[in-house]
Amino acid sequence: MTEEGLGRVDQKERTRAALLAAAAELIRQGKQPTVEETADFARISKRTAYRYFVSQAHLLADASLEALRPVMGAAIGKAISSGDARHRLAALAAAMNELAVAYEPALRIMMRAALERGISGEPAGPRQRGQRRLDWIHTALLPVRDQLTKPSYDRLVASLVVSLGVDALIVLRDICGLDADQVLSVMVWTAHSLLDSALGSDNAGGQAQLARK
């Protein structure tokens, strides 16, 4: 990314942080601020504010989760910092599941806001969710990173992103009717299967190349 592009990303992150800080302060004052009230308090245009938060519910959910994110990140980071890749992926699934259940109402609101933005045709703002999940998956896969080609690694990461987290939990609960233990079992099985498939595919490819030589 160019220096100019990085500057725009930084500005967007600062704008979103300012809106969340304003919402948090208004909440501390005993209010339930709307997007317009938060924009006024932060001295940011209402139009800009709606690019980040599509509704009051979305704003309040994100503001309530913001203070928890460092705690969530520390807990998950600790869970996946040791062991082989299979152990780390199982620990990641368990930690994300526990947090998703604990904060499910707020997370559902954030997901609904993302869907509403897509339906309305609003241009996507800065990526507001998902980066931490990517970071956690990269950390979990560190023990096998050098064993995979870049295409295989990228495909594995993308597959794990859709298999872990609150969106996967909601699908397994709402559509499949699974309980919490069953959801975790499916997530761990899926993560391990994807990992084994990626490693097996790359190893088979390497053996085939050796055989041709």
Foldseek 3Di string as FASTA:
>chain_A
DDPVVVVVLVVLVVVVVLLLVLCLVVVVVVDLDWLCRSCVSSVHDSVSSCLVFVTSLLSVLCSVCVVVVVVLLVCLCVQQQDDALLSNQLSNQVSQLVVCVVSVVSVVSNVVRVVVCVVVVPDHGRDDDDPSVLVSNCNSHVNCPVLADPVLVVVLSVQLSCLGHNVNVCCCCVPVVDDSVVSSVSSSVSNVVSVVVRNVVSVVVVVVVVVVD
